[in-house]
Amino acid sequence: MIRIIAIVVLVSIACRWIFGKWPWDYLQSTPTREQALSKARKLLGVAPGADHREIRDAHRRIAVLVHPDKGGSKAQIQEANAARDLLLHELPYEIPETPQ
């Protein structure tokens, strides 16, 4: 029994040394779609029931703050764009209003 425990410990240490991660780190689940949606809502500051207009308005507010021309970074604006696209993709298709 002690041999098995010693082997497991050595394999774990070797895994950490070679790959930079503990073996149990590989067992953690990858982020789910719900977690991604939650993160996107938090980034844009919208409620779960937000419609197309609310999402676009929130994106515009964030984009003004994090735009590279205003002192933000390219990564921040890309993250805001990805959050907007993810949330808009989850909503049913919006029929554009036609001027009358």
PDB file of N, CA and C in Angstrom:
ATOM      1  N   MET A   1       0.819  -1.192   0.000  1.00  0.00           N
ATOM      2  CA  MET A   1       0.000   0.000   0.000  1.00  0.00           C
ATOM      3  C   MET A   1       0.864   1.257   0.000  1.00  0.00           C
ATOM      4  N   ILE A   2       1.943   1.226   0.774  1.00  0.00           N
ATOM      5  CA  ILE A   2       2.832   2.385   0.840  1.00  0.00           C
ATOM      6  C   ILE A   2       3.520   2.589  -0.512  1.00  0.00           C
ATOM      7  N   ARG A   3       3.825   1.497  -1.207  1.00  0.00           N
ATOM      8  CA  ARG A   3       4.441   1.607  -2.533  1.00  0.00           C
ATOM      9  C   ARG A   3       3.514   2.322  -3.516  1.00  0.00           C
ATOM     10  N   ILE A   4       2.247   1.967  -3.465  1.00  0.00           N
ATOM     11  CA  ILE A   4       1.284   2.590  -4.370  1.00  0.00           C
ATOM     12  C   ILE A   4       1.176   4.087  -4.093  1.00  0.00           C
ATOM     13  N   ILE A   5       1.100   4.450  -2.830  1.00  0.00           N
ATOM     14  CA  ILE A   5       1.027   5.870  -2.458  1.00  0.00           C
ATOM     15  C   ILE A   5       2.295   6.593  -2.903  1.00  0.00           C
ATOM     16  N   ALA A   6       3.441   5.982  -2.714  1.00  0.00           N
ATOM     17  CA  ALA A   6       4.705   6.595  -3.130  1.00  0.00           C
ATOM     18  C   ALA A   6       4.751   6.775  -4.642  1.00  0.00           C
ATOM     19  N   ILE A   7       4.264   5.800  -5.387  1.00  0.00           N
ATOM     20  CA  ILE A   7       4.242   5.894  -6.852  1.00  0.00           C
ATOM     21  C   ILE A   7       3.302   7.015  -7.296  1.00  0.00           C
ATOM     22  N   VAL A   8       2.145   7.108  -6.686  1.00  0.00           N
ATOM     23  CA  VAL A   8       1.187   8.163  -7.023  1.00  0.00           C
ATOM     24  C   VAL A   8       1.784   9.538  -6.741  1.00  0.00           C
ATOM     25  N   VAL A   9       2.454   9.682  -5.620  1.00  0.00           N
ATOM     26  CA  VAL A   9       3.091  10.953  -5.268  1.00  0.00           C
ATOM     27  C   VAL A   9       4.182  11.296  -6.276  1.00  0.00           C
ATOM     28  N   LEU A  10       5.000  10.338  -6.620  1.00  0.00           N
ATOM     29  CA  LEU A  10       6.075  10.583  -7.589  1.00  0.00           C
ATOM     30  C   LEU A  10       5.531  10.930  -8.970  1.00  0.00           C
ATOM     31  N   VAL A  11       4.501  10.230  -9.404  1.00  0.00           N
ATOM     32  CA  VAL A  11       3.881  10.535 -10.699  1.00  0.00           C
ATOM     33  C   VAL A  11       3.274  11.933 -10.668  1.00  0.00           C
ATOM     34  N   SER A  12       2.642  12.296  -9.576  1.00  0.00           N
ATOM     35  CA  SER A  12       2.054  13.632  -9.458  1.00  0.00           C
ATOM     36  C   SER A  12       3.129  14.707  -9.534  1.00  0.00           C
ATOM     37  N   ILE A  13       4.212  14.524  -8.824  1.00  0.00           N
ATOM     38  CA  ILE A  13       5.309  15.496  -8.842  1.00  0.00           C
ATOM     39  C   ILE A  13       5.938  15.563 -10.232  1.00  0.00           C
ATOM     40  N   ALA A  14       6.104  14.417 -10.867  1.00  0.00           N
ATOM     41  CA  ALA A  14       6.667  14.395 -12.219  1.00  0.00           C
ATOM     42  C   ALA A  14       5.747  15.111 -13.201  1.00  0.00           C
ATOM     43  N   CYS A  15       4.467  14.903 -13.067  1.00  0.00           N
ATOM     44  CA  CYS A  15       3.494  15.579 -13.928  1.00  0.00           C
ATOM     45  C   CYS A  15       3.572  17.093 -13.737  1.00  0.00           C
ATOM     46  N   ARG A  16       3.674  17.526 -12.492  1.00  0.00           N
ATOM     47  CA  ARG A  16       3.786  18.955 -12.196  1.00  0.00           C
ATOM     48  C   ARG A  16       5.071  19.517 -12.771  1.00  0.00           C
ATOM     49  N   TRP A  17       6.143  18.778 -12.673  1.00  0.00           N
ATOM     50  CA  TRP A  17       7.452  19.241 -13.145  1.00  0.00           C
ATOM     51  C   TRP A  17       7.504  19.272 -14.670  1.00  0.00           C
ATOM     52  N   ILE A  18       6.947  18.264 -15.321  1.00  0.00           N
ATOM     53  CA  ILE A  18       7.016  18.173 -16.785  1.00  0.00           C
ATOM     54  C   ILE A  18       5.988  19.078 -17.464  1.00  0.00           C
ATOM     55  N   PHE A  19       4.733  19.009 -17.026  1.00  0.00           N
ATOM     56  CA  PHE A  19       3.654  19.718 -17.714  1.00  0.00           C
ATOM     57  C   PHE A  19       3.258  21.035 -17.064  1.00  0.00           C
ATOM     58  N   GLY A  20       3.711  21.281 -15.846  1.00  0.00           N
ATOM     59  CA  GLY A  20       3.377  22.531 -15.171  1.00  0.00           C
ATOM     60  C   GLY A  20       2.024  22.515 -14.490  1.00  0.00           C
ATOM     61  N   LYS A  21       1.353  21.373 -14.470  1.00  0.00           N
ATOM     62  CA  LYS A  21       0.047  21.249 -13.830  1.00  0.00           C
ATOM     63  C   LYS A  21       0.010  19.985 -12.992  1.00  0.00           C
ATOM     64  N   TRP A  22      -0.753  20.039 -11.920  1.00  0.00           N
ATOM     65  CA  TRP A  22      -0.978  18.845 -11.136  1.00  0.00           C
ATOM     66  C   TRP A  22      -1.951  17.953 -11.889  1.00  0.00           C
ATOM     67  N   PRO A  23      -1.897  16.646 -11.685  1.00  0.00           N
ATOM     68  CA  PRO A  23      -2.798  15.740 -12.412  1.00  0.00           C
ATOM     69  C   PRO A  23      -4.275  16.053 -12.197  1.00  0.00           C
ATOM     70  N   TRP A  24      -4.650  16.463 -11.002  1.00  0.00           N
ATOM     71  CA  TRP A  24      -6.055  16.743 -10.731  1.00  0.00           C
ATOM     72  C   TRP A  24      -6.525  18.024 -11.411  1.00  0.00           C
ATOM     73  N   ASP A  25      -5.608  18.878 -11.871  1.00  0.00           N
ATOM     74  CA  ASP A  25      -6.016  20.057 -12.632  1.00  0.00           C
ATOM     75  C   ASP A  25      -6.635  19.671 -13.970  1.00  0.00           C
ATOM     76  N   TYR A  26      -6.244  18.539 -14.504  1.00  0.00           N
ATOM     77  CA  TYR A  26      -6.805  18.068 -15.762  1.00  0.00           C
ATOM     78  C   TYR A  26      -8.220  17.532 -15.602  1.00  0.00           C
ATOM     79  N   LEU A  27      -8.630  17.249 -14.396  1.00  0.00           N
ATOM     80  CA  LEU A  27      -9.966  16.713 -14.145  1.00  0.00           C
ATOM     81  C   LEU A  27     -11.030  17.793 -14.037  1.00  0.00           C
ATOM     82  N   GLN A  28     -10.607  19.039 -13.867  1.00  0.00           N
ATOM     83  CA  GLN A  28     -11.572  20.122 -13.747  1.00  0.00           C
ATOM     84  C   GLN A  28     -12.289  20.307 -15.070  1.00  0.00           C
ATOM     85  N   SER A  29     -13.571  20.609 -14.975  1.00  0.00           N
ATOM     86  CA  SER A  29     -14.358  20.763 -16.192  1.00  0.00           C
ATOM     87  C   SER A  29     -14.026  22.088 -16.880  1.00  0.00           C
ATOM     88  N   THR A  30     -14.214  22.095 -18.172  1.00  0.00           N
ATOM     89  CA  THR A  30     -14.013  23.316 -18.944  1.00  0.00           C
ATOM     90  C   THR A  30     -15.218  24.224 -18.735  1.00  0.00           C
ATOM     91  N   PRO A  31     -15.057  25.522 -18.962  1.00  0.00           N
ATOM     92  CA  PRO A  31     -16.186  26.430 -18.758  1.00  0.00           C
ATOM     93  C   PRO A  31     -17.375  26.044 -19.636  1.00  0.00           C
ATOM     94  N   THR A  32     -18.554  26.080 -19.054  1.00  0.00           N
ATOM     95  CA  THR A  32     -19.754  25.748 -19.800  1.00  0.00           C
ATOM     96  C   THR A  32     -20.306  26.984 -20.487  1.00  0.00           C
ATOM     97  N   ARG A  33     -21.250  26.762 -21.351  1.00  0.00           N
ATOM     98  CA  ARG A  33     -21.877  27.881 -22.068  1.00  0.00           C
ATOM     99  C   ARG A  33     -22.573  28.817 -21.085  1.00  0.00           C
ATOM    100  N   GLU A  34     -23.193  28.251 -20.066  1.00  0.00           N
ATOM    101  CA  GLU A  34     -23.870  29.085 -19.069  1.00  0.00           C
ATOM    102  C   GLU A  34     -22.875  29.980 -18.330  1.00  0.00           C
ATOM    103  N   GLN A  35     -21.700  29.451 -18.025  1.00  0.00           N
ATOM    104  CA  GLN A  35     -20.676  30.267 -17.369  1.00  0.00           C
ATOM    105  C   GLN A  35     -20.204  31.379 -18.303  1.00  0.00           C
ATOM    106  N   ALA A  36     -20.070  31.068 -19.589  1.00  0.00           N
ATOM    107  CA  ALA A  36     -19.647  32.080 -20.557  1.00  0.00           C
ATOM    108  C   ALA A  36     -20.707  33.163 -20.695  1.00  0.00           C
ATOM    109  N   LEU A  37     -21.977  32.773 -20.728  1.00  0.00           N
ATOM    110  CA  LEU A  37     -23.053  33.757 -20.817  1.00  0.00           C
ATOM    111  C   LEU A  37     -23.096  34.634 -19.570  1.00  0.00           C
ATOM    112  N   SER A  38     -22.899  34.024 -18.424  1.00  0.00           N
ATOM    113  CA  SER A  38     -22.898  34.781 -17.179  1.00  0.00           C
ATOM    114  C   SER A  38     -21.751  35.797 -17.159  1.00  0.00           C
ATOM    115  N   LYS A  39     -20.586  35.377 -17.613  1.00  0.00           N
ATOM    116  CA  LYS A  39     -19.440  36.279 -17.660  1.00  0.00           C
ATOM    117  C   LYS A  39     -19.690  37.422 -18.643  1.00  0.00           C
ATOM    118  N   ALA A  40     -20.305  37.115 -19.779  1.00  0.00           N
ATOM    119  CA  ALA A  40     -20.605  38.142 -20.783  1.00  0.00           C
ATOM    120  C   ALA A  40     -21.618  39.147 -20.234  1.00  0.00           C
ATOM    121  N   ARG A  41     -22.651  38.641 -19.537  1.00  0.00           N
ATOM    122  CA  ARG A  41     -23.637  39.553 -18.939  1.00  0.00           C
ATOM    123  C   ARG A  41     -22.997  40.452 -17.895  1.00  0.00           C
ATOM    124  N   LYS A  42     -22.111  39.880 -17.108  1.00  0.00           N
ATOM    125  CA  LYS A  42     -21.432  40.650 -16.061  1.00  0.00           C
ATOM    126  C   LYS A  42     -20.537  41.720 -16.683  1.00  0.00           C
ATOM    127  N   LEU A  43     -19.830  41.355 -17.752  1.00  0.00           N
ATOM    128  CA  LEU A  43     -18.948  42.312 -18.413  1.00  0.00           C
ATOM    129  C   LEU A  43     -19.733  43.493 -18.972  1.00  0.00           C
ATOM    130  N   LEU A  44     -20.862  43.198 -19.626  1.00  0.00           N
ATOM    131  CA  LEU A  44     -21.660  44.274 -20.212  1.00  0.00           C
ATOM    132  C   LEU A  44     -22.614  44.917 -19.217  1.00  0.00           C
ATOM    133  N   GLY A  45     -22.847  44.257 -18.102  1.00  0.00           N
ATOM    134  CA  GLY A  45     -23.726  44.817 -17.076  1.00  0.00           C
ATOM    135  C   GLY A  45     -25.190  44.758 -17.458  1.00  0.00           C
ATOM    136  N   VAL A  46     -25.606  43.659 -18.076  1.00  0.00           N
ATOM    137  CA  VAL A  46     -27.007  43.508 -18.467  1.00  0.00           C
ATOM    138  C   VAL A  46     -27.639  42.360 -17.683  1.00  0.00           C
ATOM    139  N   ALA A  47     -28.955  42.411 -17.572  1.00  0.00           N
ATOM    140  CA  ALA A  47     -29.710  41.373 -16.879  1.00  0.00           C
ATOM    141  C   ALA A  47     -29.878  40.148 -17.775  1.00  0.00           C
ATOM    142  N   PRO A  48     -30.172  38.992 -17.188  1.00  0.00           N
ATOM    143  CA  PRO A  48     -30.365  37.789 -18.004  1.00  0.00           C
ATOM    144  C   PRO A  48     -31.474  37.921 -19.047  1.00  0.00           C
ATOM    145  N   GLY A  49     -32.470  38.745 -18.799  1.00  0.00           N
ATOM    146  CA  GLY A  49     -33.572  38.905 -19.758  1.00  0.00           C
ATOM    147  C   GLY A  49     -33.394  40.070 -20.712  1.00  0.00           C
ATOM    148  N   ALA A  50     -32.173  40.551 -20.891  1.00  0.00           N
ATOM    149  CA  ALA A  50     -31.932  41.727 -21.731  1.00  0.00           C
ATOM    150  C   ALA A  50     -32.252  41.435 -23.190  1.00  0.00           C
ATOM    151  N   ASP A  51     -32.801  42.443 -23.873  1.00  0.00           N
ATOM    152  CA  ASP A  51     -33.122  42.274 -25.287  1.00  0.00           C
ATOM    153  C   ASP A  51     -31.985  42.833 -26.150  1.00  0.00           C
ATOM    154  N   HIS A  52     -32.193  42.789 -27.468  1.00  0.00           N
ATOM    155  CA  HIS A  52     -31.164  43.229 -28.415  1.00  0.00           C
ATOM    156  C   HIS A  52     -30.720  44.664 -28.143  1.00  0.00           C
ATOM    157  N   ARG A  53     -31.674  45.520 -27.935  1.00  0.00           N
ATOM    158  CA  ARG A  53     -31.367  46.945 -27.748  1.00  0.00           C
ATOM    159  C   ARG A  53     -30.546  47.182 -26.481  1.00  0.00           C
ATOM    160  N   GLU A  54     -30.920  46.540 -25.383  1.00  0.00           N
ATOM    161  CA  GLU A  54     -30.188  46.708 -24.129  1.00  0.00           C
ATOM    162  C   GLU A  54     -28.754  46.208 -24.254  1.00  0.00           C
ATOM    163  N   ILE A  55     -28.579  45.094 -24.944  1.00  0.00           N
ATOM    164  CA  ILE A  55     -27.234  44.537 -25.124  1.00  0.00           C
ATOM    165  C   ILE A  55     -26.391  45.476 -25.978  1.00  0.00           C
ATOM    166  N   ARG A  56     -26.959  45.975 -27.065  1.00  0.00           N
ATOM    167  CA  ARG A  56     -26.205  46.893 -27.936  1.00  0.00           C
ATOM    168  C   ARG A  56     -25.868  48.203 -27.218  1.00  0.00           C
ATOM    169  N   ASP A  57     -26.816  48.732 -26.454  1.00  0.00           N
ATOM    170  CA  ASP A  57     -26.555  49.963 -25.705  1.00  0.00           C
ATOM    171  C   ASP A  57     -25.455  49.754 -24.658  1.00  0.00           C
ATOM    172  N   ALA A  58     -25.507  48.626 -23.966  1.00  0.00           N
ATOM    173  CA  ALA A  58     -24.476  48.318 -22.964  1.00  0.00           C
ATOM    174  C   ALA A  58     -23.118  48.152 -23.638  1.00  0.00           C
ATOM    175  N   HIS A  59     -23.095  47.519 -24.793  1.00  0.00           N
ATOM    176  CA  HIS A  59     -21.835  47.350 -25.523  1.00  0.00           C
ATOM    177  C   HIS A  59     -21.266  48.705 -25.938  1.00  0.00           C
ATOM    178  N   ARG A  60     -22.115  49.595 -26.401  1.00  0.00           N
ATOM    179  CA  ARG A  60     -21.638  50.933 -26.794  1.00  0.00           C
ATOM    180  C   ARG A  60     -21.018  51.671 -25.607  1.00  0.00           C
ATOM    181  N   ARG A  61     -21.665  51.561 -24.445  1.00  0.00           N
ATOM    182  CA  ARG A  61     -21.128  52.231 -23.255  1.00  0.00           C
ATOM    183  C   ARG A  61     -19.755  51.669 -22.890  1.00  0.00           C
ATOM    184  N   ILE A  62     -19.632  50.354 -22.921  1.00  0.00           N
ATOM    185  CA  ILE A  62     -18.349  49.721 -22.585  1.00  0.00           C
ATOM    186  C   ILE A  62     -17.306  50.031 -23.649  1.00  0.00           C
ATOM    187  N   ALA A  63     -17.699  49.992 -24.914  1.00  0.00           N
ATOM    188  CA  ALA A  63     -16.760  50.227 -26.011  1.00  0.00           C
ATOM    189  C   ALA A  63     -16.158  51.625 -25.939  1.00  0.00           C
ATOM    190  N   VAL A  64     -16.950  52.596 -25.534  1.00  0.00           N
ATOM    191  CA  VAL A  64     -16.428  53.960 -25.400  1.00  0.00           C
ATOM    192  C   VAL A  64     -15.355  54.013 -24.310  1.00  0.00           C
ATOM    193  N   LEU A  65     -15.555  53.265 -23.251  1.00  0.00           N
ATOM    194  CA  LEU A  65     -14.609  53.285 -22.132  1.00  0.00           C
ATOM    195  C   LEU A  65     -13.313  52.539 -22.427  1.00  0.00           C
ATOM    196  N   VAL A  66     -13.403  51.415 -23.148  1.00  0.00           N
ATOM    197  CA  VAL A  66     -12.232  50.562 -23.326  1.00  0.00           C
ATOM    198  C   VAL A  66     -11.631  50.641 -24.730  1.00  0.00           C
ATOM    199  N   HIS A  67     -12.105  51.551 -25.548  1.00  0.00           N
ATOM    200  CA  HIS A  67     -11.583  51.661 -26.914  1.00  0.00           C
ATOM    201  C   HIS A  67     -10.103  52.060 -26.875  1.00  0.00           C
ATOM    202  N   PRO A  68      -9.296  51.484 -27.766  1.00  0.00           N
ATOM    203  CA  PRO A  68      -7.864  51.805 -27.772  1.00  0.00           C
ATOM    204  C   PRO A  68      -7.565  53.296 -27.971  1.00  0.00           C
ATOM    205  N   ASP A  69      -8.414  54.004 -28.690  1.00  0.00           N
ATOM    206  CA  ASP A  69      -8.206  55.441 -28.880  1.00  0.00           C
ATOM    207  C   ASP A  69      -8.463  56.242 -27.603  1.00  0.00           C
ATOM    208  N   LYS A  70      -9.154  55.639 -26.656  1.00  0.00           N
ATOM    209  CA  LYS A  70      -9.483  56.316 -25.396  1.00  0.00           C
ATOM    210  C   LYS A  70      -8.670  55.794 -24.226  1.00  0.00           C
ATOM    211  N   GLY A  71      -7.601  55.081 -24.510  1.00  0.00           N
ATOM    212  CA  GLY A  71      -6.738  54.603 -23.441  1.00  0.00           C
ATOM    213  C   GLY A  71      -6.937  53.146 -23.070  1.00  0.00           C
ATOM    214  N   GLY A  72      -7.886  52.476 -23.701  1.00  0.00           N
ATOM    215  CA  GLY A  72      -8.102  51.056 -23.438  1.00  0.00           C
ATOM    216  C   GLY A  72      -7.149  50.225 -24.276  1.00  0.00           C
ATOM    217  N   SER A  73      -7.414  48.943 -24.321  1.00  0.00           N
ATOM    218  CA  SER A  73      -6.550  48.068 -25.113  1.00  0.00           C
ATOM    219  C   SER A  73      -7.371  47.325 -26.156  1.00  0.00           C
ATOM    220  N   LYS A  74      -6.668  46.788 -27.128  1.00  0.00           N
ATOM    221  CA  LYS A  74      -7.315  46.023 -28.182  1.00  0.00           C
ATOM    222  C   LYS A  74      -7.979  44.773 -27.592  1.00  0.00           C
ATOM    223  N   ALA A  75      -7.344  44.162 -26.614  1.00  0.00           N
ATOM    224  CA  ALA A  75      -7.893  42.966 -25.983  1.00  0.00           C
ATOM    225  C   ALA A  75      -9.215  43.267 -25.269  1.00  0.00           C
ATOM    226  N   GLN A  76      -9.305  44.425 -24.625  1.00  0.00           N
ATOM    227  CA  GLN A  76     -10.533  44.786 -23.915  1.00  0.00           C
ATOM    228  C   GLN A  76     -11.689  44.980 -24.885  1.00  0.00           C
ATOM    229  N   ILE A  77     -11.438  45.649 -26.006  1.00  0.00           N
ATOM    230  CA  ILE A  77     -12.515  45.879 -26.970  1.00  0.00           C
ATOM    231  C   ILE A  77     -12.915  44.564 -27.634  1.00  0.00           C
ATOM    232  N   GLN A  78     -11.944  43.670 -27.852  1.00  0.00           N
ATOM    233  CA  GLN A  78     -12.270  42.368 -28.424  1.00  0.00           C
ATOM    234  C   GLN A  78     -13.116  41.546 -27.455  1.00  0.00           C
ATOM    235  N   GLU A  79     -12.818  41.642 -26.166  1.00  0.00           N
ATOM    236  CA  GLU A  79     -13.599  40.928 -25.165  1.00  0.00           C
ATOM    237  C   GLU A  79     -15.024  41.468 -25.101  1.00  0.00           C
ATOM    238  N   ALA A  80     -15.169  42.794 -25.189  1.00  0.00           N
ATOM    239  CA  ALA A  80     -16.507  43.394 -25.196  1.00  0.00           C
ATOM    240  C   ALA A  80     -17.273  42.978 -26.451  1.00  0.00           C
ATOM    241  N   ASN A  81     -16.605  42.943 -27.587  1.00  0.00           N
ATOM    242  CA  ASN A  81     -17.254  42.521 -28.830  1.00  0.00           C
ATOM    243  C   ASN A  81     -17.686  41.056 -28.748  1.00  0.00           C
ATOM    244  N   ALA A  82     -16.836  40.212 -28.192  1.00  0.00           N
ATOM    245  CA  ALA A  82     -17.168  38.795 -28.060  1.00  0.00           C
ATOM    246  C   ALA A  82     -18.351  38.601 -27.116  1.00  0.00           C
ATOM    247  N   ALA A  83     -18.404  39.368 -26.034  1.00  0.00           N
ATOM    248  CA  ALA A  83     -19.521  39.278 -25.094  1.00  0.00           C
ATOM    249  C   ALA A  83     -20.817  39.692 -25.780  1.00  0.00           C
ATOM    250  N   ARG A  84     -20.767  40.782 -26.536  1.00  0.00           N
ATOM    251  CA  ARG A  84     -21.952  41.235 -27.268  1.00  0.00           C
ATOM    252  C   ARG A  84     -22.420  40.169 -28.253  1.00  0.00           C
ATOM    253  N   ASP A  85     -21.487  39.633 -29.037  1.00  0.00           N
ATOM    254  CA  ASP A  85     -21.847  38.638 -30.048  1.00  0.00           C
ATOM    255  C   ASP A  85     -22.443  37.386 -29.408  1.00  0.00           C
ATOM    256  N   LEU A  86     -21.861  36.943 -28.298  1.00  0.00           N
ATOM    257  CA  LEU A  86     -22.360  35.756 -27.615  1.00  0.00           C
ATOM    258  C   LEU A  86     -23.782  35.972 -27.109  1.00  0.00           C
ATOM    259  N   LEU A  87     -24.023  37.114 -26.482  1.00  0.00           N
ATOM    260  CA  LEU A  87     -25.363  37.382 -25.946  1.00  0.00           C
ATOM    261  C   LEU A  87     -26.385  37.579 -27.059  1.00  0.00           C
ATOM    262  N   LEU A  88     -26.011  38.268 -28.129  1.00  0.00           N
ATOM    263  CA  LEU A  88     -26.948  38.466 -29.232  1.00  0.00           C
ATOM    264  C   LEU A  88     -27.259  37.150 -29.942  1.00  0.00           C
ATOM    265  N   HIS A  89     -26.276  36.270 -30.014  1.00  0.00           N
ATOM    266  CA  HIS A  89     -26.486  34.977 -30.669  1.00  0.00           C
ATOM    267  C   HIS A  89     -27.469  34.110 -29.896  1.00  0.00           C
ATOM    268  N   GLU A  90     -27.561  34.298 -28.599  1.00  0.00           N
ATOM    269  CA  GLU A  90     -28.464  33.503 -27.766  1.00  0.00           C
ATOM    270  C   GLU A  90     -29.917  33.941 -27.912  1.00  0.00           C
ATOM    271  N   LEU A  91     -30.143  35.161 -28.377  1.00  0.00           N
ATOM    272  CA  LEU A  91     -31.509  35.673 -28.500  1.00  0.00           C
ATOM    273  C   LEU A  91     -32.116  35.242 -29.822  1.00  0.00           C
ATOM    274  N   PRO A  92     -33.453  35.172 -29.876  1.00  0.00           N
ATOM    275  CA  PRO A  92     -34.082  34.879 -31.161  1.00  0.00           C
ATOM    276  C   PRO A  92     -33.826  36.039 -32.131  1.00  0.00           C
ATOM    277  N   TYR A  93     -33.926  35.745 -33.417  1.00  0.00           N
ATOM    278  CA  TYR A  93     -33.645  36.734 -34.450  1.00  0.00           C
ATOM    279  C   TYR A  93     -34.561  37.932 -34.300  1.00  0.00           C
ATOM    280  N   GLU A  94     -33.987  39.120 -34.414  1.00  0.00           N
ATOM    281  CA  GLU A  94     -34.756  40.354 -34.298  1.00  0.00           C
ATOM    282  C   GLU A  94     -35.093  40.851 -35.696  1.00  0.00           C
ATOM    283  N   ILE A  95     -36.367  41.086 -35.946  1.00  0.00           N
ATOM    284  CA  ILE A  95     -36.796  41.619 -37.230  1.00  0.00           C
ATOM    285  C   ILE A  95     -36.591  43.123 -37.194  1.00  0.00           C
ATOM    286  N   PRO A  96     -35.763  43.652 -38.128  1.00  0.00           N
ATOM    287  CA  PRO A  96     -35.522  45.101 -38.117  1.00  0.00           C
ATOM    288  C   PRO A  96     -36.787  45.877 -38.410  1.00  0.00           C
ATOM    289  N   GLU A  97     -36.898  47.013 -37.770  1.00  0.00           N
ATOM    290  CA  GLU A  97     -38.058  47.867 -37.985  1.00  0.00           C
ATOM    291  C   GLU A  97     -37.892  48.582 -39.312  1.00  0.00           C
ATOM    292  N   THR A  98     -38.978  48.651 -40.059  1.00  0.00           N
ATOM    293  CA  THR A  98     -38.914  49.352 -41.341  1.00  0.00           C
ATOM    294  C   THR A  98     -39.548  50.728 -41.169  1.00  0.00           C
ATOM    295  N   PRO A  99     -38.897  51.765 -41.696  1.00  0.00           N
ATOM    296  CA  PRO A  99     -39.482  53.111 -41.569  1.00  0.00           C
ATOM    297  C   PRO A  99     -40.756  53.210 -42.382  1.00  0.00           C
ATOM    298  N   GLN A 100     -41.715  53.912 -41.844  1.00  0.00           N
ATOM    299  CA  GLN A 100     -42.996  54.049 -42.552  1.00  0.00           C
ATOM    300  C   GLN A 100     -43.246  55.461 -42.949  1.00  0.00           C
TER     301      GLN A 100
END
